[in-house]
Amino acid sequence: MAAADVATTTTGLIGMWGGTRDGATDGFIDWASGATNVHDPKQVKIEAEDMRTMNPVPSYMKDGYGIAKHKTSITPEQFLAGNDPEGKKFLEDVYYKEVEELVKQITGSSIVVPYVFRIRQNSMKAGEFMAAKLSHSALPVAHVDRDAITGEDGVREVLGEQADELIKQGKRYAQVNIWRSIDQPIKKWPLCFINHAGVEGWNYDSHLARVYPTNDPRIAIRGEKKHDSVVKYDPNYKYHYVSNLDIDEVLVFSSFDSDVSKVVPHGAFWDDASPDDAPTRRSFEVRSWVFFD
């Protein structure tokens, strides 16, 4: 690769599985009381390549993650109103249609079912990435949204008998996320994709830790999920991100995939290059169940 083709990189920190206090294989957390056996996440220093300058640029169909152009009809105010019942219904009626069409275009699939969205805001400044100052729920931790168990549970919960039949046919299926900035280019806490292609034998059991929740308030948003899946560190990971993601761009990735080579561990990371006066990061993502032909 010629010098002019070398990808631009940045450095930063991302959280990963830090083990348990009692030596147990699995973690637990009671969201009501805060009781947990989980250590603070391991803070991993990373060097992340900017996908904009990579050759070739990662793509969804080849790598399970990529970047796409998408101009939405939704205003920042409408995105941010999504936590209200009326605003939620509007986004489900209007933006879900946009997402469905976009995911069909990217994946070539005819079965795309958007089913949940998340709004996130992060205003932490440089130097505030310290486990002692943050709760477990606030510290950015690399994860996959679902694994082989919770993925199958989740798609059956949404698609019911249709999912049963398609799974019996051996169809590949995935939870595909469309992730975007709400109101301005992302200047801090960008999303990091963890490429595990160079890790021999990587799978849901070998490189993810399970954390079992009780009294979980997230059920009202995302439905039932038996456990969360947190990434275990491996020295052969490669880290990719997109600098200054604009409001007319989206990130698309498999946050669960029945083809484990395509699932993408991910999480927000502290970018050392973030300006001190970088604005609050406001992001919006929609998750869709997708079956492939």
Protein backbone atom coordinates (compact mmCIF):
# COMPACT_ATOMS: atom_id res chain seq x y z
CA MET A 1 0.00 0.00 0.00
CA ALA A 2 1.44 3.33 -1.05
CA ALA A 3 1.99 6.00 1.58
CA ALA A 4 -0.85 8.09 0.16
CA ASP A 5 -3.23 5.15 0.65
CA VAL A 6 -2.46 4.56 4.34
CA ALA A 7 -5.56 5.03 6.47
CA THR A 8 -5.73 7.92 8.90
CA THR A 9 -5.87 6.79 12.52
CA THR A 10 -6.76 8.15 15.94
CA THR A 11 -6.19 6.86 19.45
CA GLY A 12 -8.62 6.51 22.30
CA LEU A 13 -10.22 4.36 24.99
CA ILE A 14 -13.04 1.82 24.91
CA GLY A 15 -14.45 -0.38 27.65
CA MET A 16 -14.43 -4.19 27.52
CA TRP A 17 -15.19 -7.09 29.84
CA GLY A 18 -13.29 -6.72 33.11
CA GLY A 19 -14.34 -9.98 34.77
CA THR A 20 -16.31 -10.62 37.96
CA ARG A 21 -15.55 -9.89 41.61
CA ASP A 22 -16.49 -13.40 42.72
CA GLY A 23 -14.69 -15.28 39.96
CA ALA A 24 -17.93 -16.41 38.32
CA THR A 25 -17.98 -16.90 34.57
CA ASP A 26 -21.14 -14.84 34.13
CA GLY A 27 -22.06 -11.46 35.51
CA PHE A 28 -25.26 -10.17 37.04
CA ILE A 29 -26.69 -6.75 37.77
CA ASP A 30 -29.83 -5.72 39.65
CA TRP A 31 -30.95 -2.47 38.06
CA ALA A 32 -33.14 -1.61 41.04
CA SER A 33 -30.50 -1.87 43.76
CA GLY A 34 -27.31 -1.57 41.70
CA ALA A 35 -26.02 -4.87 43.12
CA THR A 36 -23.58 -6.55 40.73
CA ASN A 37 -20.63 -8.93 40.67
CA VAL A 38 -19.18 -7.25 37.59
CA HIS A 39 -15.87 -5.39 37.78
CA ASP A 40 -15.58 -1.95 36.22
CA PRO A 41 -14.94 -2.41 32.50
CA LYS A 42 -11.39 -2.92 31.34
CA GLN A 43 -10.19 0.32 29.75
CA VAL A 44 -8.53 -0.63 26.46
CA LYS A 45 -6.27 1.81 24.67
CA ILE A 46 -6.93 1.52 20.96
CA GLU A 47 -5.73 2.86 17.63
CA ALA A 48 -8.70 3.16 15.30
CA GLU A 49 -8.56 3.52 11.53
CA ASP A 50 -10.83 6.06 9.85
CA MET A 51 -13.02 4.15 7.40
CA ARG A 52 -13.12 7.18 5.12
CA THR A 53 -9.43 6.73 4.30
CA MET A 54 -9.30 2.93 4.15
CA ASN A 55 -8.77 1.11 0.86
CA PRO A 56 -10.99 -0.76 0.41
CA VAL A 57 -13.60 0.91 2.58
CA PRO A 58 -15.46 -1.63 4.75
CA SER A 59 -18.90 -2.48 3.38
CA TYR A 60 -21.96 -4.03 4.94
CA MET A 61 -22.23 -6.95 2.52
CA LYS A 62 -18.56 -7.91 2.84
CA ASP A 63 -17.71 -6.95 6.43
CA GLY A 64 -21.03 -6.57 8.24
CA TYR A 65 -20.60 -2.79 8.66
CA GLY A 66 -20.30 0.26 6.47
CA ILE A 67 -21.30 3.85 5.81
CA ALA A 68 -24.10 5.07 3.55
CA LYS A 69 -25.57 8.34 2.38
CA HIS A 70 -29.11 9.00 3.58
CA LYS A 71 -30.96 12.31 3.75
CA THR A 72 -33.92 11.97 6.09
CA SER A 73 -37.18 13.90 6.18
CA ILE A 74 -37.09 13.89 10.01
CA THR A 75 -36.01 17.06 11.81
CA PRO A 76 -33.73 17.05 14.88
CA GLU A 77 -36.70 18.17 16.98
CA GLN A 78 -38.76 15.21 15.76
CA PHE A 79 -35.96 12.75 16.54
CA LEU A 80 -35.54 14.18 20.04
CA ALA A 81 -39.30 14.01 20.67
CA GLY A 82 -39.18 10.23 20.24
CA ASN A 83 -39.43 9.57 23.97
CA ASP A 84 -42.93 11.05 24.04
CA PRO A 85 -45.84 8.79 22.97
CA GLU A 86 -46.91 11.05 20.11
CA GLY A 87 -43.34 11.54 18.91
CA LYS A 88 -42.65 7.82 19.16
CA LYS A 89 -45.64 6.95 17.00
CA PHE A 90 -44.62 9.55 14.42
CA LEU A 91 -41.13 8.08 14.10
CA GLU A 92 -42.50 4.54 13.88
CA ASP A 93 -44.94 5.62 11.15
CA VAL A 94 -42.57 7.80 9.11
CA TYR A 95 -38.89 7.11 9.85
CA TYR A 96 -39.31 3.33 10.01
CA LYS A 97 -40.44 3.43 6.36
CA GLU A 98 -37.26 5.29 5.42
CA VAL A 99 -35.15 2.77 7.31
CA GLU A 100 -36.95 -0.20 5.78
CA GLU A 101 -36.28 1.06 2.25
CA LEU A 102 -32.65 1.90 3.02
CA VAL A 103 -31.92 -1.50 4.58
CA LYS A 104 -33.58 -3.27 1.65
CA GLN A 105 -31.35 -1.33 -0.74
CA ILE A 106 -28.18 -2.12 1.21
CA THR A 107 -28.88 -5.79 1.97
CA GLY A 108 -30.95 -6.84 -1.04
CA SER A 109 -33.42 -8.42 1.37
CA SER A 110 -37.18 -8.33 0.89
CA ILE A 111 -37.88 -9.04 4.58
CA VAL A 112 -36.94 -6.02 6.71
CA VAL A 113 -38.85 -5.25 9.90
CA PRO A 114 -37.80 -2.16 11.93
CA TYR A 115 -38.95 -2.70 15.49
CA VAL A 116 -37.19 -0.48 18.03
CA PHE A 117 -35.19 2.75 18.23
CA ARG A 118 -32.81 4.31 20.73
CA ILE A 119 -31.93 7.96 21.37
CA ARG A 120 -28.57 8.61 23.03
CA GLN A 121 -26.95 11.81 24.26
CA ASN A 122 -23.45 12.09 25.67
CA SER A 123 -22.02 15.39 26.91
CA MET A 124 -18.95 14.13 28.80
CA LYS A 125 -15.83 16.18 28.12
CA ALA A 126 -12.20 15.21 27.61
CA GLY A 127 -10.64 13.76 30.74
CA GLU A 128 -13.94 12.47 32.14
CA PHE A 129 -13.43 8.91 30.92
CA MET A 130 -12.84 7.43 34.36
CA ALA A 131 -14.64 4.39 35.77
CA ALA A 132 -14.72 5.99 39.22
CA LYS A 133 -16.87 8.83 37.87
CA LEU A 134 -19.30 6.76 35.85
CA SER A 135 -21.96 4.12 36.48
CA HIS A 136 -21.87 0.75 34.74
CA SER A 137 -24.72 1.89 32.53
CA ALA A 138 -22.92 5.07 31.43
CA LEU A 139 -19.40 3.80 30.72
CA PRO A 140 -19.04 2.97 27.02
CA VAL A 141 -18.53 -0.79 26.73
CA ALA A 142 -18.00 -2.80 23.56
CA HIS A 143 -20.79 -5.29 23.01
CA VAL A 144 -23.06 -7.03 20.55
CA ASP A 145 -26.77 -6.35 20.91
CA ARG A 146 -27.69 -10.05 20.85
CA ASP A 147 -25.99 -13.44 20.66
CA ALA A 148 -27.13 -16.83 19.32
CA ILE A 149 -29.60 -17.29 22.19
CA THR A 150 -31.03 -13.79 22.55
CA GLY A 151 -30.97 -13.25 18.79
CA GLU A 152 -33.28 -16.18 18.13
CA ASP A 153 -35.48 -15.17 21.06
CA GLY A 154 -35.70 -11.62 19.77
CA VAL A 155 -36.63 -12.38 16.18
CA ARG A 156 -39.29 -14.86 17.31
CA GLU A 157 -40.74 -12.23 19.66
CA VAL A 158 -41.20 -9.77 16.77
CA LEU A 159 -41.94 -12.01 13.76
CA GLY A 160 -43.57 -14.99 15.48
CA GLU A 161 -44.49 -17.90 13.20
CA GLN A 162 -42.85 -16.25 10.19
CA ALA A 163 -39.52 -16.36 12.03
CA ASP A 164 -40.07 -20.00 12.97
CA GLU A 165 -40.58 -20.98 9.34
CA LEU A 166 -37.66 -18.97 7.97
CA ILE A 167 -35.29 -20.29 10.63
CA LYS A 168 -36.38 -23.86 9.81
CA GLN A 169 -35.47 -23.13 6.19
CA GLY A 170 -31.95 -22.24 7.31
CA LYS A 171 -32.22 -18.61 6.26
CA ARG A 172 -29.49 -16.26 7.44
CA TYR A 173 -30.96 -13.52 9.60
CA ALA A 174 -29.57 -10.48 11.37
CA GLN A 175 -30.43 -7.47 13.46
CA VAL A 176 -29.32 -4.56 11.30
CA ASN A 177 -28.79 -1.16 12.91
CA ILE A 178 -29.05 2.20 11.16
CA TRP A 179 -27.16 4.74 13.32
CA ARG A 180 -26.99 8.47 12.66
CA SER A 181 -26.27 11.85 14.20
CA ILE A 182 -29.37 13.84 15.07
CA ASP A 183 -28.32 17.45 14.62
CA GLN A 184 -24.63 17.98 13.74
CA PRO A 185 -21.49 16.07 12.73
CA ILE A 186 -20.16 13.70 15.40
CA LYS A 187 -17.14 15.33 17.06
CA LYS A 188 -16.80 13.12 20.15
CA TRP A 189 -17.78 9.65 21.32
CA PRO A 190 -17.88 8.25 17.77
CA LEU A 191 -19.01 4.68 17.28
CA CYS A 192 -16.21 2.11 17.06
CA PHE A 193 -16.52 -1.11 15.08
CA ILE A 194 -14.38 -4.06 16.20
CA ASN A 195 -13.22 -6.23 13.32
CA HIS A 196 -12.58 -9.80 14.54
CA ALA A 197 -11.71 -11.37 11.18
CA GLY A 198 -8.13 -11.89 12.36
CA VAL A 199 -9.18 -13.74 15.54
CA GLU A 200 -9.16 -17.49 14.93
CA GLY A 201 -12.32 -19.21 16.14
CA TRP A 202 -14.10 -16.02 17.25
CA ASN A 203 -17.69 -16.79 18.19
CA TYR A 204 -20.46 -15.78 20.57
CA ASP A 205 -19.26 -18.17 23.28
CA SER A 206 -15.51 -17.64 23.08
CA HIS A 207 -15.24 -13.85 23.03
CA LEU A 208 -18.36 -12.54 24.76
CA ALA A 209 -19.26 -12.49 28.45
CA ARG A 210 -22.86 -12.69 29.60
CA VAL A 211 -24.38 -10.31 32.13
CA TYR A 212 -27.79 -11.34 33.48
CA PRO A 213 -30.06 -8.42 34.48
CA THR A 214 -32.89 -8.28 36.97
CA ASN A 215 -35.44 -5.46 37.40
CA ASP A 216 -34.34 -4.26 33.98
CA PRO A 217 -36.12 -1.02 32.91
CA ARG A 218 -34.96 -1.52 29.33
CA ILE A 219 -37.57 -4.24 28.78
CA ALA A 220 -40.17 -1.55 28.10
CA ILE A 221 -38.05 -0.30 25.20
CA ARG A 222 -36.40 -3.35 23.67
CA GLY A 223 -38.46 -6.29 24.94
CA GLU A 224 -37.23 -9.27 26.94
CA LYS A 225 -33.57 -10.23 26.70
CA LYS A 226 -32.08 -12.94 28.91
CA HIS A 227 -28.61 -11.42 29.08
CA ASP A 228 -26.31 -8.74 27.69
CA SER A 229 -23.21 -9.70 25.71
CA VAL A 230 -19.98 -7.82 26.51
CA VAL A 231 -16.84 -8.12 24.40
CA LYS A 232 -13.72 -9.81 25.79
CA TYR A 233 -10.41 -8.26 24.76
CA ASP A 234 -8.26 -9.91 22.09
CA PRO A 235 -4.95 -8.51 20.85
CA ASN A 236 -5.84 -9.34 17.25
CA TYR A 237 -8.85 -7.03 17.06
CA LYS A 238 -8.79 -4.17 14.57
CA TYR A 239 -10.73 -0.98 15.31
CA HIS A 240 -12.54 1.16 12.74
CA TYR A 241 -14.62 4.35 12.97
CA VAL A 242 -15.91 7.17 10.78
CA SER A 243 -14.62 10.68 11.46
CA ASN A 244 -17.10 13.57 11.58
CA LEU A 245 -20.15 11.52 10.65
CA ASP A 246 -22.48 14.03 8.99
CA ILE A 247 -26.25 14.34 9.42
CA ASP A 248 -26.81 13.04 5.88
CA GLU A 249 -24.78 9.88 6.52
CA VAL A 250 -25.61 6.71 8.44
CA LEU A 251 -23.68 3.76 9.80
CA VAL A 252 -25.16 0.36 8.98
CA PHE A 253 -24.09 -2.81 10.77
CA SER A 254 -25.15 -6.22 12.05
CA SER A 255 -25.47 -5.99 15.82
CA PHE A 256 -26.49 -9.65 15.73
CA ASP A 257 -26.06 -12.08 12.86
CA SER A 258 -26.71 -15.79 12.50
CA ASP A 259 -23.53 -15.74 10.37
CA VAL A 260 -21.10 -15.04 13.21
CA SER A 261 -18.43 -13.82 10.78
CA LYS A 262 -20.69 -10.84 10.00
CA VAL A 263 -21.69 -9.75 13.52
CA VAL A 264 -20.02 -6.51 14.57
CA PRO A 265 -18.98 -5.82 18.16
CA HIS A 266 -19.27 -2.09 18.70
CA GLY A 267 -19.42 0.72 21.22
CA ALA A 268 -18.79 4.42 21.64
CA PHE A 269 -15.14 5.24 22.33
CA TRP A 270 -13.31 8.24 23.69
CA ASP A 271 -11.42 9.77 20.75
CA ASP A 272 -8.26 11.53 21.94
CA ALA A 273 -8.60 13.93 19.00
CA SER A 274 -11.98 15.24 20.18
CA PRO A 275 -11.93 19.03 20.65
CA ASP A 276 -12.42 20.28 24.21
CA ASP A 277 -15.45 22.28 23.08
CA ALA A 278 -17.02 19.46 21.03
CA PRO A 279 -20.83 19.61 21.28
CA THR A 280 -22.99 16.98 22.93
CA ARG A 281 -23.18 13.85 20.81
CA ARG A 282 -26.79 13.10 19.96
CA SER A 283 -27.43 9.91 18.03
CA PHE A 284 -30.46 7.96 16.86
CA GLU A 285 -30.52 4.33 15.82
CA VAL A 286 -33.17 1.94 14.54
CA ARG A 287 -32.83 -1.83 14.75
CA SER A 288 -34.46 -4.07 12.16
CA TRP A 289 -34.83 -7.81 11.79
CA VAL A 290 -33.65 -8.89 8.35
CA PHE A 291 -33.87 -12.27 6.63
CA PHE A 292 -31.58 -12.90 3.67
CA ASP A 293 -32.55 -14.82 0.52
